[in-house]
Amino acid sequence: MARDFWGRFFDNEYRQREDIDETADRVAQLQHATEALEQYQEQLRNKLMQLAVTVDVLLDVLVEHDLLDEVELSHRVELRLYPPPPRPAQSTGSPYRGADGAEPPPRPVPTTMCTQCMKQVPLPLTQITENGVVCDLCFARAR
């Protein structure tokens, strides 16, 4: 009896069958949930269609009785659907640097003089050689 218990516990086929049954149950649950969601989606689609037709009929009646201007209505609907971007707040200025949200001015790039061509070049575009600081162009020519 103990052997049957332990044999079943370590039986790979038994575990595989359990996994298959659990997966089949889960698939059935998901199919049922999918069907319920599809039915709900169809109900919402029907309600939306009814609302759209109702709004169209009401607008037609209001326009026929000159109670509504179509151009103004379309303008207001467009503004509601696509509002203009908000204007940035006017800053009163701050005594602290960068506190008003403005970007600080860019830092100047340090320059140096090339010992070969005697031009002022940005420091990151230089090489240090036994002849001194040389720009990348002169360095490439020397090779």
C-alpha atoms as a PDB file:
ATOM      1  CA  MET A   1       0.000   0.000   0.000  1.00  0.00           C
ATOM      2  CA  ALA A   2       2.807   2.406   0.840  1.00  0.00           C
ATOM      3  CA  ARG A   3       4.461   1.488  -2.414  1.00  0.00           C
ATOM      4  CA  ASP A   4       1.292   2.349  -4.362  1.00  0.00           C
ATOM      5  CA  PHE A   5       1.068   5.744  -2.666  1.00  0.00           C
ATOM      6  CA  TRP A   6       4.707   6.621  -3.325  1.00  0.00           C
ATOM      7  CA  GLY A   7       4.562   5.095  -6.774  1.00  0.00           C
ATOM      8  CA  ARG A   8       1.581   7.283  -7.668  1.00  0.00           C
ATOM      9  CA  PHE A   9       3.197  10.328  -6.094  1.00  0.00           C
ATOM     10  CA  PHE A  10       6.325  10.008  -8.211  1.00  0.00           C
ATOM     11  CA  ASP A  11       4.507   8.771 -11.320  1.00  0.00           C
ATOM     12  CA  ASN A  12       5.198  11.206 -14.171  1.00  0.00           C
ATOM     13  CA  GLU A  13       2.250   9.981 -16.235  1.00  0.00           C
ATOM     14  CA  TYR A  14      -0.097  10.633 -13.329  1.00  0.00           C
ATOM     15  CA  ARG A  15       1.184  14.216 -13.009  1.00  0.00           C
ATOM     16  CA  GLN A  16       0.911  14.712 -16.753  1.00  0.00           C
ATOM     17  CA  ARG A  17      -2.702  13.533 -16.721  1.00  0.00           C
ATOM     18  CA  GLU A  18      -3.485  15.910 -13.853  1.00  0.00           C
ATOM     19  CA  ASP A  19      -1.863  18.788 -15.747  1.00  0.00           C
ATOM     20  CA  ILE A  20      -3.846  17.954 -18.884  1.00  0.00           C
ATOM     21  CA  ASP A  21      -7.107  17.855 -16.916  1.00  0.00           C
ATOM     22  CA  GLU A  22      -6.348  21.164 -15.208  1.00  0.00           C
ATOM     23  CA  THR A  23      -5.487  22.770 -18.541  1.00  0.00           C
ATOM     24  CA  ALA A  24      -8.696  21.468 -20.118  1.00  0.00           C
ATOM     25  CA  ASP A  25     -10.716  22.923 -17.228  1.00  0.00           C
ATOM     26  CA  ARG A  26      -8.961  26.281 -17.613  1.00  0.00           C
ATOM     27  CA  VAL A  27      -9.604  26.322 -21.377  1.00  0.00           C
ATOM     28  CA  ALA A  28     -13.294  25.636 -20.765  1.00  0.00           C
ATOM     29  CA  GLN A  29     -13.473  28.495 -18.247  1.00  0.00           C
ATOM     30  CA  LEU A  30     -11.754  30.868 -20.675  1.00  0.00           C
ATOM     31  CA  GLN A  31     -14.095  29.875 -23.509  1.00  0.00           C
ATOM     32  CA  HIS A  32     -17.110  30.555 -21.296  1.00  0.00           C
ATOM     33  CA  ALA A  33     -15.696  33.946 -20.259  1.00  0.00           C
ATOM     34  CA  THR A  34     -14.972  34.813 -23.905  1.00  0.00           C
ATOM     35  CA  GLU A  35     -18.538  33.989 -24.933  1.00  0.00           C
ATOM     36  CA  ALA A  36     -19.916  36.143 -22.115  1.00  0.00           C
ATOM     37  CA  LEU A  37     -17.688  39.061 -23.152  1.00  0.00           C
ATOM     38  CA  GLU A  38     -18.743  38.717 -26.793  1.00  0.00           C
ATOM     39  CA  GLN A  39     -22.416  38.862 -25.758  1.00  0.00           C
ATOM     40  CA  TYR A  40     -21.766  41.948 -23.630  1.00  0.00           C
ATOM     41  CA  GLN A  41     -19.888  43.584 -26.509  1.00  0.00           C
ATOM     42  CA  GLU A  42     -22.849  42.973 -28.826  1.00  0.00           C
ATOM     43  CA  GLN A  43     -25.232  44.513 -26.263  1.00  0.00           C
ATOM     44  CA  LEU A  44     -23.008  47.598 -25.988  1.00  0.00           C
ATOM     45  CA  ARG A  45     -22.789  47.862 -29.785  1.00  0.00           C
ATOM     46  CA  ASN A  46     -26.612  47.813 -30.018  1.00  0.00           C
ATOM     47  CA  LYS A  47     -26.987  50.457 -27.290  1.00  0.00           C
ATOM     48  CA  LEU A  48     -24.410  52.669 -28.999  1.00  0.00           C
ATOM     49  CA  MET A  49     -26.260  52.365 -32.302  1.00  0.00           C
ATOM     50  CA  GLN A  50     -29.542  53.330 -30.596  1.00  0.00           C
ATOM     51  CA  LEU A  51     -27.896  56.358 -28.970  1.00  0.00           C
ATOM     52  CA  ALA A  52     -26.331  57.484 -32.251  1.00  0.00           C
ATOM     53  CA  VAL A  53     -29.659  57.265 -34.081  1.00  0.00           C
ATOM     54  CA  THR A  54     -31.437  59.094 -31.238  1.00  0.00           C
ATOM     55  CA  VAL A  55     -28.911  61.932 -31.294  1.00  0.00           C
ATOM     56  CA  ASP A  56     -29.147  62.209 -35.098  1.00  0.00           C
ATOM     57  CA  VAL A  57     -32.950  62.420 -34.962  1.00  0.00           C
ATOM     58  CA  LEU A  58     -32.867  65.017 -32.169  1.00  0.00           C
ATOM     59  CA  LEU A  59     -30.376  67.149 -34.089  1.00  0.00           C
ATOM     60  CA  ASP A  60     -32.500  66.958 -37.227  1.00  0.00           C
ATOM     61  CA  VAL A  61     -35.578  68.092 -35.290  1.00  0.00           C
ATOM     62  CA  LEU A  62     -33.708  70.995 -33.655  1.00  0.00           C
ATOM     63  CA  VAL A  63     -32.266  72.149 -36.986  1.00  0.00           C
ATOM     64  CA  GLU A  64     -35.662  71.891 -38.700  1.00  0.00           C
ATOM     65  CA  HIS A  65     -37.214  74.160 -36.048  1.00  0.00           C
ATOM     66  CA  ASP A  66     -34.301  76.636 -36.241  1.00  0.00           C
ATOM     67  CA  LEU A  67     -33.387  76.027 -32.624  1.00  0.00           C
ATOM     68  CA  LEU A  68     -29.844  74.978 -33.441  1.00  0.00           C
ATOM     69  CA  ASP A  69     -27.113  76.143 -35.789  1.00  0.00           C
ATOM     70  CA  GLU A  70     -25.293  73.177 -37.363  1.00  0.00           C
ATOM     71  CA  VAL A  71     -22.048  75.072 -37.885  1.00  0.00           C
ATOM     72  CA  GLU A  72     -21.874  76.214 -34.261  1.00  0.00           C
ATOM     73  CA  LEU A  73     -22.749  72.739 -33.053  1.00  0.00           C
ATOM     74  CA  SER A  74     -20.005  71.112 -35.131  1.00  0.00           C
ATOM     75  CA  HIS A  75     -17.548  73.750 -33.891  1.00  0.00           C
ATOM     76  CA  ARG A  76     -18.449  73.080 -30.257  1.00  0.00           C
ATOM     77  CA  VAL A  77     -18.259  69.321 -30.734  1.00  0.00           C
ATOM     78  CA  GLU A  78     -14.838  69.685 -32.327  1.00  0.00           C
ATOM     79  CA  LEU A  79     -13.646  71.836 -29.424  1.00  0.00           C
ATOM     80  CA  ARG A  80     -14.915  69.275 -26.933  1.00  0.00           C
ATOM     81  CA  LEU A  81     -13.297  66.366 -28.761  1.00  0.00           C
ATOM     82  CA  TYR A  82     -10.017  68.145 -29.529  1.00  0.00           C
ATOM     83  CA  PRO A  83      -9.458  70.887 -26.949  1.00  0.00           C
ATOM     84  CA  PRO A  84      -6.670  73.377 -27.606  1.00  0.00           C
ATOM     85  CA  PRO A  85      -3.477  72.745 -25.648  1.00  0.00           C
ATOM     86  CA  PRO A  86      -3.320  74.605 -22.337  1.00  0.00           C
ATOM     87  CA  ARG A  87      -1.275  77.770 -22.297  1.00  0.00           C
ATOM     88  CA  PRO A  88       1.871  77.670 -20.203  1.00  0.00           C
ATOM     89  CA  ALA A  89       1.648  79.568 -16.962  1.00  0.00           C
ATOM     90  CA  GLN A  90       3.164  83.038 -17.072  1.00  0.00           C
ATOM     91  CA  SER A  91       6.178  83.098 -14.836  1.00  0.00           C
ATOM     92  CA  THR A  92       6.787  86.169 -12.768  1.00  0.00           C
ATOM     93  CA  GLY A  93      10.488  85.525 -12.764  1.00  0.00           C
ATOM     94  CA  SER A  94      12.506  84.111  -9.962  1.00  0.00           C
ATOM     95  CA  PRO A  95      15.564  85.472  -8.241  1.00  0.00           C
ATOM     96  CA  TYR A  96      17.056  81.967  -8.347  1.00  0.00           C
ATOM     97  CA  ARG A  97      18.826  80.690 -11.441  1.00  0.00           C
ATOM     98  CA  GLY A  98      16.722  78.176 -13.356  1.00  0.00           C
ATOM     99  CA  ALA A  99      13.829  78.254 -10.864  1.00  0.00           C
ATOM    100  CA  ASP A 100      11.382  79.606 -13.427  1.00  0.00           C
ATOM    101  CA  GLY A 101      11.691  76.394 -15.433  1.00  0.00           C
ATOM    102  CA  ALA A 102      13.731  77.929 -18.233  1.00  0.00           C
ATOM    103  CA  GLU A 103      16.673  75.974 -19.531  1.00  0.00           C
ATOM    104  CA  PRO A 104      20.006  77.360 -18.359  1.00  0.00           C
ATOM    105  CA  PRO A 105      22.199  78.704 -21.139  1.00  0.00           C
ATOM    106  CA  PRO A 106      24.585  76.112 -22.579  1.00  0.00           C
ATOM    107  CA  ARG A 107      28.064  76.073 -21.136  1.00  0.00           C
ATOM    108  CA  PRO A 108      30.784  77.288 -23.464  1.00  0.00           C
ATOM    109  CA  VAL A 109      33.024  74.570 -24.849  1.00  0.00           C
ATOM    110  CA  PRO A 110      36.641  75.065 -23.769  1.00  0.00           C
ATOM    111  CA  THR A 111      39.039  75.642 -26.658  1.00  0.00           C
ATOM    112  CA  THR A 112      42.761  75.355 -27.148  1.00  0.00           C
ATOM    113  CA  MET A 113      45.256  76.191 -29.881  1.00  0.00           C
ATOM    114  CA  CYS A 114      46.605  73.482 -32.142  1.00  0.00           C
ATOM    115  CA  THR A 115      50.422  73.593 -32.113  1.00  0.00           C
ATOM    116  CA  GLN A 116      50.617  72.594 -35.797  1.00  0.00           C
ATOM    117  CA  CYS A 117      47.941  74.623 -37.627  1.00  0.00           C
ATOM    118  CA  MET A 118      47.650  77.352 -34.950  1.00  0.00           C
ATOM    119  CA  LYS A 119      43.833  77.303 -34.999  1.00  0.00           C
ATOM    120  CA  GLN A 120      41.540  77.499 -31.991  1.00  0.00           C
ATOM    121  CA  VAL A 121      39.736  74.139 -31.732  1.00  0.00           C
ATOM    122  CA  PRO A 122      37.361  72.671 -29.132  1.00  0.00           C
ATOM    123  CA  LEU A 123      39.271  70.761 -26.468  1.00  0.00           C
ATOM    124  CA  PRO A 124      37.361  67.482 -27.024  1.00  0.00           C
ATOM    125  CA  LEU A 125      38.576  67.480 -30.656  1.00  0.00           C
ATOM    126  CA  THR A 126      42.280  67.402 -29.774  1.00  0.00           C
ATOM    127  CA  GLN A 127      45.033  64.875 -29.135  1.00  0.00           C
ATOM    128  CA  ILE A 128      48.057  65.236 -26.863  1.00  0.00           C
ATOM    129  CA  THR A 129      51.280  64.257 -28.596  1.00  0.00           C
ATOM    130  CA  GLU A 130      55.009  64.692 -27.951  1.00  0.00           C
ATOM    131  CA  ASN A 131      54.753  67.925 -30.018  1.00  0.00           C
ATOM    132  CA  GLY A 132      51.971  69.321 -27.777  1.00  0.00           C
ATOM    133  CA  VAL A 133      48.205  69.611 -28.211  1.00  0.00           C
ATOM    134  CA  VAL A 134      47.216  68.847 -31.819  1.00  0.00           C
ATOM    135  CA  CYS A 135      43.748  69.000 -33.428  1.00  0.00           C
ATOM    136  CA  ASP A 136      42.232  65.789 -34.788  1.00  0.00           C
ATOM    137  CA  LEU A 137      42.792  66.884 -38.412  1.00  0.00           C
ATOM    138  CA  CYS A 138      46.506  67.516 -37.911  1.00  0.00           C
ATOM    139  CA  PHE A 139      46.804  64.311 -35.907  1.00  0.00           C
ATOM    140  CA  ALA A 140      45.215  62.347 -38.766  1.00  0.00           C
ATOM    141  CA  ARG A 141      47.536  63.989 -41.339  1.00  0.00           C
ATOM    142  CA  ALA A 142      50.607  63.097 -39.284  1.00  0.00           C
ATOM    143  CA  ARG A 143      49.796  59.400 -39.330  1.00  0.00           C
END
